[in-house]
Amino acid sequence: MGSWRRNLAFRLSVVSEKETSNGQKPLAAGFTGDVAEETSVRARAKSAVHHVKDEAGMVAAHAVDHPAATGSAIAAVGLLGLAIGYMLGVSSASRDRRWYR
């Protein structure tokens, strides 16, 4: 028997041991929500900060998983910024053709 089959058999036996007499699995997670929803500004700001931190963590994890794509995206944004800066500089330049002025 292969090692993956032994592992699968072990996992299935562990799952079957956790079932109760009526066939349902026990709920070990506990209560994870709030009793009353908070609507204060502080609670909403705290929630927003939590969501921003979660998103930043996901972006950082993606950057670690895909370094080539991250580098390409950073280079593309840099080139776009350079092009926009160049266009703004050219558009705000003096229209006078004399170079010595």
C-alpha atoms as a PDB file:
ATOM      1  CA  MET A   1       0.000   0.000   0.000  1.00  0.00           C
ATOM      2  CA  GLY A   2       1.390   3.414  -0.951  1.00  0.00           C
ATOM      3  CA  SER A   3       2.121   6.080   1.609  1.00  0.00           C
ATOM      4  CA  TRP A   4      -0.632   8.354   0.302  1.00  0.00           C
ATOM      5  CA  ARG A   5      -3.159   5.523   0.738  1.00  0.00           C
ATOM      6  CA  ARG A   6      -2.068   4.952   4.337  1.00  0.00           C
ATOM      7  CA  ASN A   7      -2.352   8.685   4.961  1.00  0.00           C
ATOM      8  CA  LEU A   8      -5.837   8.761   3.448  1.00  0.00           C
ATOM      9  CA  ALA A   9      -6.937   5.734   5.453  1.00  0.00           C
ATOM     10  CA  PHE A  10      -5.631   7.346   8.653  1.00  0.00           C
ATOM     11  CA  ARG A  11      -7.444  10.610   7.943  1.00  0.00           C
ATOM     12  CA  LEU A  12     -10.696   8.796   7.244  1.00  0.00           C
ATOM     13  CA  SER A  13     -10.402   6.863  10.492  1.00  0.00           C
ATOM     14  CA  VAL A  14      -9.794  10.082  12.438  1.00  0.00           C
ATOM     15  CA  VAL A  15     -12.861  11.692  10.866  1.00  0.00           C
ATOM     16  CA  SER A  16     -15.061   8.707  11.650  1.00  0.00           C
ATOM     17  CA  GLU A  17     -13.888   8.720  15.294  1.00  0.00           C
ATOM     18  CA  LYS A  18     -14.943  12.357  15.665  1.00  0.00           C
ATOM     19  CA  GLU A  19     -18.523  11.670  14.635  1.00  0.00           C
ATOM     20  CA  THR A  20     -21.098  11.391  17.401  1.00  0.00           C
ATOM     21  CA  SER A  21     -23.595   8.578  17.844  1.00  0.00           C
ATOM     22  CA  ASN A  22     -26.212  10.237  15.601  1.00  0.00           C
ATOM     23  CA  GLY A  23     -23.728  10.729  12.739  1.00  0.00           C
ATOM     24  CA  GLN A  24     -23.109  14.448  13.228  1.00  0.00           C
ATOM     25  CA  LYS A  25     -19.696  15.956  13.759  1.00  0.00           C
ATOM     26  CA  PRO A  26     -19.218  17.937  16.974  1.00  0.00           C
ATOM     27  CA  LEU A  27     -18.984  21.707  16.677  1.00  0.00           C
ATOM     28  CA  ALA A  28     -15.671  22.716  18.219  1.00  0.00           C
ATOM     29  CA  ALA A  29     -15.471  26.222  16.750  1.00  0.00           C
ATOM     30  CA  GLY A  30     -17.432  27.980  19.465  1.00  0.00           C
ATOM     31  CA  PHE A  31     -19.190  31.312  19.130  1.00  0.00           C
ATOM     32  CA  THR A  32     -17.255  33.521  16.738  1.00  0.00           C
ATOM     33  CA  GLY A  33     -19.579  36.504  16.239  1.00  0.00           C
ATOM     34  CA  ASP A  34     -20.705  39.551  18.176  1.00  0.00           C
ATOM     35  CA  VAL A  35     -23.887  39.486  20.208  1.00  0.00           C
ATOM     36  CA  ALA A  36     -24.910  43.001  19.203  1.00  0.00           C
ATOM     37  CA  GLU A  37     -23.685  44.720  16.087  1.00  0.00           C
ATOM     38  CA  GLU A  38     -21.702  47.826  16.910  1.00  0.00           C
ATOM     39  CA  THR A  39     -22.483  50.840  14.737  1.00  0.00           C
ATOM     40  CA  SER A  40     -20.217  53.431  16.317  1.00  0.00           C
ATOM     41  CA  VAL A  41     -17.600  55.264  14.307  1.00  0.00           C
ATOM     42  CA  ARG A  42     -14.862  53.614  16.328  1.00  0.00           C
ATOM     43  CA  ALA A  43     -16.181  50.118  15.559  1.00  0.00           C
ATOM     44  CA  ARG A  44     -16.477  50.893  11.849  1.00  0.00           C
ATOM     45  CA  ALA A  45     -12.965  52.360  11.744  1.00  0.00           C
ATOM     46  CA  LYS A  46     -11.619  49.296  13.539  1.00  0.00           C
ATOM     47  CA  SER A  47     -13.388  47.053  11.022  1.00  0.00           C
ATOM     48  CA  ALA A  48     -12.005  49.065   8.103  1.00  0.00           C
ATOM     49  CA  VAL A  49      -8.472  48.843   9.487  1.00  0.00           C
ATOM     50  CA  HIS A  50      -8.904  45.086   9.918  1.00  0.00           C
ATOM     51  CA  HIS A  51     -10.021  44.699   6.295  1.00  0.00           C
ATOM     52  CA  VAL A  52      -7.155  46.839   4.989  1.00  0.00           C
ATOM     53  CA  LYS A  53      -4.631  44.772   6.951  1.00  0.00           C
ATOM     54  CA  ASP A  54      -6.151  41.564   5.568  1.00  0.00           C
ATOM     55  CA  GLU A  55      -5.936  42.870   2.002  1.00  0.00           C
ATOM     56  CA  ALA A  56      -2.352  44.053   2.500  1.00  0.00           C
ATOM     57  CA  GLY A  57      -1.444  40.617   3.817  1.00  0.00           C
ATOM     58  CA  MET A  58      -3.017  38.972   0.778  1.00  0.00           C
ATOM     59  CA  VAL A  59      -1.164  41.287  -1.592  1.00  0.00           C
ATOM     60  CA  ALA A  60       2.117  40.593   0.200  1.00  0.00           C
ATOM     61  CA  ALA A  61       1.504  36.837   0.060  1.00  0.00           C
ATOM     62  CA  HIS A  62       0.762  37.076  -3.657  1.00  0.00           C
ATOM     63  CA  ALA A  63       3.935  39.100  -4.204  1.00  0.00           C
ATOM     64  CA  VAL A  64       5.976  36.425  -2.438  1.00  0.00           C
ATOM     65  CA  ASP A  65       4.321  33.637  -4.423  1.00  0.00           C
ATOM     66  CA  HIS A  66       4.748  35.374  -7.803  1.00  0.00           C
ATOM     67  CA  PRO A  67       7.918  37.506  -7.790  1.00  0.00           C
ATOM     68  CA  ALA A  68       8.156  37.803 -11.599  1.00  0.00           C
ATOM     69  CA  ALA A  69       4.608  39.115 -11.912  1.00  0.00           C
ATOM     70  CA  THR A  70       5.212  41.504  -9.028  1.00  0.00           C
ATOM     71  CA  GLY A  71       8.355  42.871 -10.651  1.00  0.00           C
ATOM     72  CA  SER A  72       6.589  43.266 -13.976  1.00  0.00           C
ATOM     73  CA  ALA A  73       3.688  45.110 -12.359  1.00  0.00           C
ATOM     74  CA  ILE A  74       6.040  47.452 -10.511  1.00  0.00           C
ATOM     75  CA  ALA A  75       7.995  48.136 -13.716  1.00  0.00           C
ATOM     76  CA  ALA A  76       4.789  48.827 -15.657  1.00  0.00           C
ATOM     77  CA  VAL A  77       3.523  51.250 -13.004  1.00  0.00           C
ATOM     78  CA  GLY A  78       6.922  52.974 -12.969  1.00  0.00           C
ATOM     79  CA  LEU A  79       6.941  53.372 -16.745  1.00  0.00           C
ATOM     80  CA  LEU A  80       3.378  54.668 -16.681  1.00  0.00           C
ATOM     81  CA  GLY A  81       4.365  57.233 -14.049  1.00  0.00           C
ATOM     82  CA  LEU A  82       7.388  58.248 -16.119  1.00  0.00           C
ATOM     83  CA  ALA A  83       5.214  58.705 -19.225  1.00  0.00           C
ATOM     84  CA  ILE A  84       2.628  60.763 -17.331  1.00  0.00           C
ATOM     85  CA  GLY A  85       5.374  62.922 -15.811  1.00  0.00           C
ATOM     86  CA  TYR A  86       6.965  63.458 -19.208  1.00  0.00           C
ATOM     87  CA  MET A  87       3.631  64.433 -20.776  1.00  0.00           C
ATOM     88  CA  LEU A  88       2.906  66.876 -17.949  1.00  0.00           C
ATOM     89  CA  GLY A  89       6.384  68.367 -18.269  1.00  0.00           C
ATOM     90  CA  VAL A  90       6.102  68.795 -22.021  1.00  0.00           C
ATOM     91  CA  SER A  91       2.643  70.333 -21.767  1.00  0.00           C
ATOM     92  CA  SER A  92       3.747  72.874 -19.165  1.00  0.00           C
ATOM     93  CA  ALA A  93       6.920  73.859 -21.010  1.00  0.00           C
ATOM     94  CA  SER A  94       7.283  77.329 -22.391  1.00  0.00           C
ATOM     95  CA  ARG A  95       6.088  77.782 -25.960  1.00  0.00           C
ATOM     96  CA  ASP A  96       8.889  80.248 -26.701  1.00  0.00           C
ATOM     97  CA  ARG A  97      11.332  78.790 -29.220  1.00  0.00           C
ATOM     98  CA  ARG A  98      14.353  80.797 -28.095  1.00  0.00           C
ATOM     99  CA  TRP A  99      16.696  78.586 -26.088  1.00  0.00           C
ATOM    100  CA  TYR A 100      18.605  81.435 -24.407  1.00  0.00           C
ATOM    101  CA  ARG A 101      15.642  82.913 -22.609  1.00  0.00           C
END
